[in-house]
Amino acid sequence: MKKALAKYANRESANVQLDIPVGGGGVVAPPYEDVKKDLKQVVDQIANYTDNFTRTPDDDNRVEEMYSSLRKYNHLMSMAKQDDK
């Protein structure tokens, strides 16, 4: 606890700058092609859970996995919509 307080109570520790990997043009977001590839994988997962979008999963664990995939889909889709392509 004392080590943590010594580290984070030090005002100089806030001056440390991290290097963020930046793609082309100074943009931190992943390239559109990578987002599109990830989006296709998530859609394939959801199609697998739902028998090609015809029914919902019977197992509660599969339902939770599908919800997780749907959240990931929403995140990736919002990233894709923000791109200029």
PDB file of N, CA and C in Angstrom:
ATOM      1  N   MET A   1       0.819  -1.183   0.000  1.00  0.00           N
ATOM      2  CA  MET A   1       0.000   0.000   0.000  1.00  0.00           C
ATOM      3  C   MET A   1       0.871   1.258   0.000  1.00  0.00           C
ATOM      4  N   LYS A   2       1.938   1.213   0.799  1.00  0.00           N
ATOM      5  CA  LYS A   2       2.827   2.371   0.867  1.00  0.00           C
ATOM      6  C   LYS A   2       3.518   2.615  -0.467  1.00  0.00           C
ATOM      7  N   LYS A   3       3.871   1.502  -1.176  1.00  0.00           N
ATOM      8  CA  LYS A   3       4.514   1.652  -2.482  1.00  0.00           C
ATOM      9  C   LYS A   3       3.561   2.307  -3.478  1.00  0.00           C
ATOM     10  N   ALA A   4       2.297   1.875  -3.444  1.00  0.00           N
ATOM     11  CA  ALA A   4       1.313   2.446  -4.359  1.00  0.00           C
ATOM     12  C   ALA A   4       1.089   3.922  -4.067  1.00  0.00           C
ATOM     13  N   LEU A   5       0.976   4.258  -2.792  1.00  0.00           N
ATOM     14  CA  LEU A   5       0.803   5.665  -2.430  1.00  0.00           C
ATOM     15  C   LEU A   5       2.016   6.496  -2.825  1.00  0.00           C
ATOM     16  N   ALA A   6       3.190   5.935  -2.640  1.00  0.00           N
ATOM     17  CA  ALA A   6       4.401   6.666  -3.008  1.00  0.00           C
ATOM     18  C   ALA A   6       4.449   6.915  -4.511  1.00  0.00           C
ATOM     19  N   LYS A   7       3.990   5.941  -5.285  1.00  0.00           N
ATOM     20  CA  LYS A   7       4.029   6.078  -6.739  1.00  0.00           C
ATOM     21  C   LYS A   7       2.965   7.053  -7.238  1.00  0.00           C
ATOM     22  N   TYR A   8       1.723   6.871  -6.785  1.00  0.00           N
ATOM     23  CA  TYR A   8       0.624   7.652  -7.343  1.00  0.00           C
ATOM     24  C   TYR A   8       0.421   8.993  -6.651  1.00  0.00           C
ATOM     25  N   ALA A   9       0.987   9.184  -5.475  1.00  0.00           N
ATOM     26  CA  ALA A   9       0.897  10.480  -4.809  1.00  0.00           C
ATOM     27  C   ALA A   9       1.957  11.437  -5.341  1.00  0.00           C
ATOM     28  N   ASN A  10       2.923  10.919  -6.052  1.00  0.00           N
ATOM     29  CA  ASN A  10       3.979  11.740  -6.627  1.00  0.00           C
ATOM     30  C   ASN A  10       3.424  12.501  -7.833  1.00  0.00           C
ATOM     31  N   ARG A  11       3.461  13.810  -7.791  1.00  0.00           N
ATOM     32  CA  ARG A  11       2.927  14.628  -8.889  1.00  0.00           C
ATOM     33  C   ARG A  11       3.693  14.412 -10.198  1.00  0.00           C
ATOM     34  N   GLU A  12       4.935  14.054 -10.116  1.00  0.00           N
ATOM     35  CA  GLU A  12       5.752  13.849 -11.312  1.00  0.00           C
ATOM     36  C   GLU A  12       5.338  12.597 -12.080  1.00  0.00           C
ATOM     37  N   SER A  13       4.661  11.656 -11.420  1.00  0.00           N
ATOM     38  CA  SER A  13       4.260  10.434 -12.120  1.00  0.00           C
ATOM     39  C   SER A  13       3.203  10.719 -13.181  1.00  0.00           C
ATOM     40  N   ALA A  14       2.497  11.829 -13.069  1.00  0.00           N
ATOM     41  CA  ALA A  14       1.492  12.195 -14.065  1.00  0.00           C
ATOM     42  C   ALA A  14       2.124  12.749 -15.329  1.00  0.00           C
ATOM     43  N   ASN A  15       3.389  13.094 -15.292  1.00  0.00           N
ATOM     44  CA  ASN A  15       4.057  13.678 -16.453  1.00  0.00           C
ATOM     45  C   ASN A  15       4.588  12.638 -17.428  1.00  0.00           C
ATOM     46  N   VAL A  16       4.468  11.372 -17.094  1.00  0.00           N
ATOM     47  CA  VAL A  16       4.959  10.309 -17.965  1.00  0.00           C
ATOM     48  C   VAL A  16       4.003  10.165 -19.140  1.00  0.00           C
ATOM     49  N   GLN A  17       4.526  10.239 -20.343  1.00  0.00           N
ATOM     50  CA  GLN A  17       3.723  10.122 -21.546  1.00  0.00           C
ATOM     51  C   GLN A  17       3.890   8.732 -22.140  1.00  0.00           C
ATOM     52  N   LEU A  18       2.778   8.109 -22.478  1.00  0.00           N
ATOM     53  CA  LEU A  18       2.809   6.799 -23.111  1.00  0.00           C
ATOM     54  C   LEU A  18       2.785   6.970 -24.622  1.00  0.00           C
ATOM     55  N   ASP A  19       3.476   6.083 -25.318  1.00  0.00           N
ATOM     56  CA  ASP A  19       3.442   6.092 -26.773  1.00  0.00           C
ATOM     57  C   ASP A  19       2.230   5.300 -27.237  1.00  0.00           C
ATOM     58  N   ILE A  20       1.356   5.958 -27.974  1.00  0.00           N
ATOM     59  CA  ILE A  20       0.168   5.309 -28.513  1.00  0.00           C
ATOM     60  C   ILE A  20       0.443   5.001 -29.975  1.00  0.00           C
ATOM     61  N   PRO A  21       0.252   3.732 -30.386  1.00  0.00           N
ATOM     62  CA  PRO A  21       0.481   3.410 -31.799  1.00  0.00           C
ATOM     63  C   PRO A  21      -0.545   4.133 -32.666  1.00  0.00           C
ATOM     64  N   VAL A  22      -0.049   4.900 -33.601  1.00  0.00           N
ATOM     65  CA  VAL A  22      -0.911   5.710 -34.448  1.00  0.00           C
ATOM     66  C   VAL A  22      -0.818   5.192 -35.868  1.00  0.00           C
ATOM     67  N   GLY A  23      -1.986   4.982 -36.473  1.00  0.00           N
ATOM     68  CA  GLY A  23      -2.021   4.530 -37.853  1.00  0.00           C
ATOM     69  C   GLY A  23      -1.749   5.677 -38.802  1.00  0.00           C
ATOM     70  N   GLY A  24      -2.106   5.507 -40.042  1.00  0.00           N
ATOM     71  CA  GLY A  24      -1.880   6.541 -41.035  1.00  0.00           C
ATOM     72  C   GLY A  24      -2.712   7.784 -40.769  1.00  0.00           C
ATOM     73  N   GLY A  25      -2.102   8.934 -40.905  1.00  0.00           N
ATOM     74  CA  GLY A  25      -2.815  10.190 -40.745  1.00  0.00           C
ATOM     75  C   GLY A  25      -3.046  10.607 -39.306  1.00  0.00           C
ATOM     76  N   GLY A  26      -2.369   9.987 -38.350  1.00  0.00           N
ATOM     77  CA  GLY A  26      -2.522  10.367 -36.957  1.00  0.00           C
ATOM     78  C   GLY A  26      -3.786   9.848 -36.300  1.00  0.00           C
ATOM     79  N   VAL A  27      -4.451   8.878 -36.896  1.00  0.00           N
ATOM     80  CA  VAL A  27      -5.692   8.337 -36.357  1.00  0.00           C
ATOM     81  C   VAL A  27      -5.376   7.133 -35.481  1.00  0.00           C
ATOM     82  N   VAL A  28      -5.984   7.087 -34.300  1.00  0.00           N
ATOM     83  CA  VAL A  28      -5.739   5.994 -33.366  1.00  0.00           C
ATOM     84  C   VAL A  28      -6.632   4.794 -33.680  1.00  0.00           C
ATOM     85  N   ALA A  29      -7.756   5.008 -34.330  1.00  0.00           N
ATOM     86  CA  ALA A  29      -8.705   3.936 -34.634  1.00  0.00           C
ATOM     87  C   ALA A  29      -8.085   2.937 -35.610  1.00  0.00           C
ATOM     88  N   PRO A  30      -8.511   1.675 -35.543  1.00  0.00           N
ATOM     89  CA  PRO A  30      -7.990   0.677 -36.482  1.00  0.00           C
ATOM     90  C   PRO A  30      -8.479   0.963 -37.905  1.00  0.00           C
ATOM     91  N   PRO A  31      -7.749   0.484 -38.901  1.00  0.00           N
ATOM     92  CA  PRO A  31      -8.163   0.693 -40.290  1.00  0.00           C
ATOM     93  C   PRO A  31      -9.526   0.052 -40.574  1.00  0.00           C
ATOM     94  N   TYR A  32     -10.234   0.609 -41.542  1.00  0.00           N
ATOM     95  CA  TYR A  32     -11.572   0.138 -41.901  1.00  0.00           C
ATOM     96  C   TYR A  32     -11.562  -1.337 -42.290  1.00  0.00           C
ATOM     97  N   GLU A  33     -10.530  -1.769 -42.990  1.00  0.00           N
ATOM     98  CA  GLU A  33     -10.465  -3.162 -43.427  1.00  0.00           C
ATOM     99  C   GLU A  33     -10.411  -4.113 -42.227  1.00  0.00           C
ATOM    100  N   ASP A  34      -9.673  -3.727 -41.181  1.00  0.00           N
ATOM    101  CA  ASP A  34      -9.597  -4.562 -39.979  1.00  0.00           C
ATOM    102  C   ASP A  34     -10.941  -4.611 -39.261  1.00  0.00           C
ATOM    103  N   VAL A  35     -11.617  -3.474 -39.193  1.00  0.00           N
ATOM    104  CA  VAL A  35     -12.934  -3.427 -38.550  1.00  0.00           C
ATOM    105  C   VAL A  35     -13.918  -4.288 -39.327  1.00  0.00           C
ATOM    106  N   LYS A  36     -13.851  -4.209 -40.653  1.00  0.00           N
ATOM    107  CA  LYS A  36     -14.749  -4.992 -41.505  1.00  0.00           C
ATOM    108  C   LYS A  36     -14.505  -6.490 -41.324  1.00  0.00           C
ATOM    109  N   LYS A  37     -13.234  -6.883 -41.219  1.00  0.00           N
ATOM    110  CA  LYS A  37     -12.892  -8.291 -41.012  1.00  0.00           C
ATOM    111  C   LYS A  37     -13.415  -8.779 -39.657  1.00  0.00           C
ATOM    112  N   ASP A  38     -13.203  -7.977 -38.604  1.00  0.00           N
ATOM    113  CA  ASP A  38     -13.697  -8.343 -37.276  1.00  0.00           C
ATOM    114  C   ASP A  38     -15.220  -8.404 -37.250  1.00  0.00           C
ATOM    115  N   LEU A  39     -15.859  -7.484 -37.955  1.00  0.00           N
ATOM    116  CA  LEU A  39     -17.317  -7.459 -38.016  1.00  0.00           C
ATOM    117  C   LEU A  39     -17.858  -8.711 -38.693  1.00  0.00           C
ATOM    118  N   LYS A  40     -17.187  -9.157 -39.746  1.00  0.00           N
ATOM    119  CA  LYS A  40     -17.613 -10.384 -40.427  1.00  0.00           C
ATOM    120  C   LYS A  40     -17.503 -11.587 -39.496  1.00  0.00           C
ATOM    121  N   GLN A  41     -16.434 -11.658 -38.705  1.00  0.00           N
ATOM    122  CA  GLN A  41     -16.272 -12.767 -37.761  1.00  0.00           C
ATOM    123  C   GLN A  41     -17.378 -12.768 -36.712  1.00  0.00           C
ATOM    124  N   VAL A  42     -17.736 -11.591 -36.217  1.00  0.00           N
ATOM    125  CA  VAL A  42     -18.787 -11.503 -35.202  1.00  0.00           C
ATOM    126  C   VAL A  42     -20.134 -11.890 -35.800  1.00  0.00           C
ATOM    127  N   VAL A  43     -20.416 -11.460 -37.022  1.00  0.00           N
ATOM    128  CA  VAL A  43     -21.673 -11.831 -37.676  1.00  0.00           C
ATOM    129  C   VAL A  43     -21.733 -13.341 -37.877  1.00  0.00           C
ATOM    130  N   ASP A  44     -20.614 -13.951 -38.240  1.00  0.00           N
ATOM    131  CA  ASP A  44     -20.581 -15.409 -38.386  1.00  0.00           C
ATOM    132  C   ASP A  44     -20.845 -16.103 -37.054  1.00  0.00           C
ATOM    133  N   GLN A  45     -20.306 -15.557 -35.952  1.00  0.00           N
ATOM    134  CA  GLN A  45     -20.569 -16.126 -34.625  1.00  0.00           C
ATOM    135  C   GLN A  45     -22.049 -16.043 -34.286  1.00  0.00           C
ATOM    136  N   ILE A  46     -22.642 -14.884 -34.517  1.00  0.00           N
ATOM    137  CA  ILE A  46     -24.063 -14.699 -34.202  1.00  0.00           C
ATOM    138  C   ILE A  46     -24.915 -15.613 -35.072  1.00  0.00           C
ATOM    139  N   ALA A  47     -24.550 -15.763 -36.337  1.00  0.00           N
ATOM    140  CA  ALA A  47     -25.279 -16.679 -37.216  1.00  0.00           C
ATOM    141  C   ALA A  47     -25.178 -18.107 -36.708  1.00  0.00           C
ATOM    142  N   ASN A  48     -24.026 -18.473 -36.168  1.00  0.00           N
ATOM    143  CA  ASN A  48     -23.844 -19.807 -35.614  1.00  0.00           C
ATOM    144  C   ASN A  48     -24.736 -20.014 -34.387  1.00  0.00           C
ATOM    145  N   TYR A  49     -24.816 -18.999 -33.519  1.00  0.00           N
ATOM    146  CA  TYR A  49     -25.653 -19.103 -32.321  1.00  0.00           C
ATOM    147  C   TYR A  49     -27.135 -19.207 -32.659  1.00  0.00           C
ATOM    148  N   THR A  50     -27.552 -18.598 -33.757  1.00  0.00           N
ATOM    149  CA  THR A  50     -28.978 -18.480 -34.066  1.00  0.00           C
ATOM    150  C   THR A  50     -29.424 -19.333 -35.250  1.00  0.00           C
ATOM    151  N   ASP A  51     -28.617 -20.285 -35.658  1.00  0.00           N
ATOM    152  CA  ASP A  51     -28.935 -21.110 -36.833  1.00  0.00           C
ATOM    153  C   ASP A  51     -29.304 -20.236 -38.028  1.00  0.00           C
ATOM    154  N   ASN A  52     -28.353 -19.424 -38.430  1.00  0.00           N
ATOM    155  CA  ASN A  52     -28.512 -18.489 -39.554  1.00  0.00           C
ATOM    156  C   ASN A  52     -29.682 -17.535 -39.340  1.00  0.00           C
ATOM    157  N   PHE A  53     -29.774 -17.001 -38.123  1.00  0.00           N
ATOM    158  CA  PHE A  53     -30.742 -15.971 -37.761  1.00  0.00           C
ATOM    159  C   PHE A  53     -32.188 -16.445 -37.839  1.00  0.00           C
ATOM    160  N   THR A  54     -32.428 -17.721 -37.555  1.00  0.00           N
ATOM    161  CA  THR A  54     -33.797 -18.236 -37.607  1.00  0.00           C
ATOM    162  C   THR A  54     -34.400 -18.489 -36.233  1.00  0.00           C
ATOM    163  N   ARG A  55     -33.573 -18.608 -35.193  1.00  0.00           N
ATOM    164  CA  ARG A  55     -34.108 -18.855 -33.847  1.00  0.00           C
ATOM    165  C   ARG A  55     -33.110 -18.366 -32.809  1.00  0.00           C
ATOM    166  N   THR A  56     -33.571 -18.287 -31.571  1.00  0.00           N
ATOM    167  CA  THR A  56     -32.682 -17.909 -30.477  1.00  0.00           C
ATOM    168  C   THR A  56     -32.120 -19.170 -29.835  1.00  0.00           C
ATOM    169  N   PRO A  57     -30.962 -19.098 -29.229  1.00  0.00           N
ATOM    170  CA  PRO A  57     -30.376 -20.283 -28.591  1.00  0.00           C
ATOM    171  C   PRO A  57     -31.226 -20.770 -27.415  1.00  0.00           C
ATOM    172  N   ASP A  58     -31.226 -22.078 -27.193  1.00  0.00           N
ATOM    173  CA  ASP A  58     -31.983 -22.672 -26.093  1.00  0.00           C
ATOM    174  C   ASP A  58     -31.212 -22.609 -24.781  1.00  0.00           C
ATOM    175  N   ASP A  59     -29.924 -22.763 -24.845  1.00  0.00           N
ATOM    176  CA  ASP A  59     -29.075 -22.801 -23.654  1.00  0.00           C
ATOM    177  C   ASP A  59     -28.806 -21.379 -23.154  1.00  0.00           C
ATOM    178  N   ASP A  60     -28.924 -21.181 -21.838  1.00  0.00           N
ATOM    179  CA  ASP A  60     -28.698 -19.850 -21.255  1.00  0.00           C
ATOM    180  C   ASP A  60     -27.271 -19.362 -21.472  1.00  0.00           C
ATOM    181  N   ASN A  61     -26.314 -20.263 -21.430  1.00  0.00           N
ATOM    182  CA  ASN A  61     -24.919 -19.868 -21.665  1.00  0.00           C
ATOM    183  C   ASN A  61     -24.729 -19.363 -23.090  1.00  0.00           C
ATOM    184  N   ARG A  62     -25.354 -20.029 -24.032  1.00  0.00           N
ATOM    185  CA  ARG A  62     -25.249 -19.600 -25.432  1.00  0.00           C
ATOM    186  C   ARG A  62     -25.946 -18.255 -25.649  1.00  0.00           C
ATOM    187  N   VAL A  63     -27.040 -18.035 -24.899  1.00  0.00           N
ATOM    188  CA  VAL A  63     -27.729 -16.747 -24.992  1.00  0.00           C
ATOM    189  C   VAL A  63     -26.808 -15.634 -24.501  1.00  0.00           C
ATOM    190  N   GLU A  64     -26.124 -15.864 -23.383  1.00  0.00           N
ATOM    191  CA  GLU A  64     -25.194 -14.865 -22.858  1.00  0.00           C
ATOM    192  C   GLU A  64     -24.041 -14.620 -23.827  1.00  0.00           C
ATOM    193  N   GLU A  65     -23.535 -15.683 -24.451  1.00  0.00           N
ATOM    194  CA  GLU A  65     -22.468 -15.531 -25.440  1.00  0.00           C
ATOM    195  C   GLU A  65     -22.964 -14.729 -26.642  1.00  0.00           C
ATOM    196  N   MET A  66     -24.210 -14.989 -27.041  1.00  0.00           N
ATOM    197  CA  MET A  66     -24.782 -14.261 -28.164  1.00  0.00           C
ATOM    198  C   MET A  66     -24.935 -12.777 -27.814  1.00  0.00           C
ATOM    199  N   TYR A  67     -25.386 -12.474 -26.598  1.00  0.00           N
ATOM    200  CA  TYR A  67     -25.506 -11.080 -26.174  1.00  0.00           C
ATOM    201  C   TYR A  67     -24.144 -10.395 -26.178  1.00  0.00           C
ATOM    202  N   SER A  68     -23.124 -11.113 -25.747  1.00  0.00           N
ATOM    203  CA  SER A  68     -21.774 -10.558 -25.766  1.00  0.00           C
ATOM    204  C   SER A  68     -21.342 -10.263 -27.204  1.00  0.00           C
ATOM    205  N   SER A  69     -21.650 -11.178 -28.101  1.00  0.00           N
ATOM    206  CA  SER A  69     -21.318 -10.970 -29.515  1.00  0.00           C
ATOM    207  C   SER A  69     -22.111  -9.801 -30.096  1.00  0.00           C
ATOM    208  N   LEU A  70     -23.361  -9.653 -29.679  1.00  0.00           N
ATOM    209  CA  LEU A  70     -24.167  -8.531 -30.165  1.00  0.00           C
ATOM    210  C   LEU A  70     -23.618  -7.192 -29.682  1.00  0.00           C
ATOM    211  N   ARG A  71     -23.121  -7.153 -28.457  1.00  0.00           N
ATOM    212  CA  ARG A  71     -22.500  -5.921 -27.959  1.00  0.00           C
ATOM    213  C   ARG A  71     -21.239  -5.600 -28.765  1.00  0.00           C
ATOM    214  N   LYS A  72     -20.459  -6.641 -29.059  1.00  0.00           N
ATOM    215  CA  LYS A  72     -19.256  -6.440 -29.866  1.00  0.00           C
ATOM    216  C   LYS A  72     -19.639  -5.975 -31.273  1.00  0.00           C
ATOM    217  N   TYR A  73     -20.710  -6.561 -31.827  1.00  0.00           N
ATOM    218  CA  TYR A  73     -21.201  -6.160 -33.144  1.00  0.00           C
ATOM    219  C   TYR A  73     -21.573  -4.679 -33.147  1.00  0.00           C
ATOM    220  N   ASN A  74     -22.307  -4.242 -32.125  1.00  0.00           N
ATOM    221  CA  ASN A  74     -22.711  -2.835 -32.051  1.00  0.00           C
ATOM    222  C   ASN A  74     -21.506  -1.913 -31.984  1.00  0.00           C
ATOM    223  N   HIS A  75     -20.507  -2.304 -31.207  1.00  0.00           N
ATOM    224  CA  HIS A  75     -19.294  -1.491 -31.092  1.00  0.00           C
ATOM    225  C   HIS A  75     -18.570  -1.404 -32.438  1.00  0.00           C
ATOM    226  N   LEU A  76     -18.387  -2.543 -33.084  1.00  0.00           N
ATOM    227  CA  LEU A  76     -17.685  -2.556 -34.367  1.00  0.00           C
ATOM    228  C   LEU A  76     -18.471  -1.807 -35.441  1.00  0.00           C
ATOM    229  N   MET A  77     -19.798  -1.946 -35.423  1.00  0.00           N
ATOM    230  CA  MET A  77     -20.615  -1.256 -36.417  1.00  0.00           C
ATOM    231  C   MET A  77     -20.532   0.258 -36.229  1.00  0.00           C
ATOM    232  N   SER A  78     -20.501   0.714 -34.991  1.00  0.00           N
ATOM    233  CA  SER A  78     -20.367   2.159 -34.774  1.00  0.00           C
ATOM    234  C   SER A  78     -19.003   2.648 -35.249  1.00  0.00           C
ATOM    235  N   MET A  79     -17.961   1.828 -35.087  1.00  0.00           N
ATOM    236  CA  MET A  79     -16.642   2.201 -35.600  1.00  0.00           C
ATOM    237  C   MET A  79     -16.654   2.248 -37.125  1.00  0.00           C
ATOM    238  N   ALA A  80     -17.331   1.287 -37.750  1.00  0.00           N
ATOM    239  CA  ALA A  80     -17.382   1.244 -39.213  1.00  0.00           C
ATOM    240  C   ALA A  80     -18.166   2.438 -39.764  1.00  0.00           C
ATOM    241  N   LYS A  81     -19.230   2.834 -39.073  1.00  0.00           N
ATOM    242  CA  LYS A  81     -20.033   3.967 -39.539  1.00  0.00           C
ATOM    243  C   LYS A  81     -19.272   5.285 -39.449  1.00  0.00           C
ATOM    244  N   GLN A  82     -18.338   5.381 -38.526  1.00  0.00           N
ATOM    245  CA  GLN A  82     -17.583   6.619 -38.361  1.00  0.00           C
ATOM    246  C   GLN A  82     -16.485   6.771 -39.409  1.00  0.00           C
ATOM    247  N   ASP A  83     -16.164   5.690 -40.102  1.00  0.00           N
ATOM    248  CA  ASP A  83     -15.105   5.752 -41.101  1.00  0.00           C
ATOM    249  C   ASP A  83     -15.613   6.456 -42.352  1.00  0.00           C
ATOM    250  N   ASP A  84     -14.706   7.011 -43.113  1.00  0.00           N
ATOM    251  CA  ASP A  84     -15.067   7.752 -44.320  1.00  0.00           C
ATOM    252  C   ASP A  84     -15.423   6.851 -45.496  1.00  0.00           C
ATOM    253  N   LYS A  85     -15.147   5.563 -45.416  1.00  0.00           N
ATOM    254  CA  LYS A  85     -15.395   4.669 -46.556  1.00  0.00           C
ATOM    255  C   LYS A  85     -16.831   4.253 -46.642  1.00  0.00           C
TER     256      LYS A  85
END
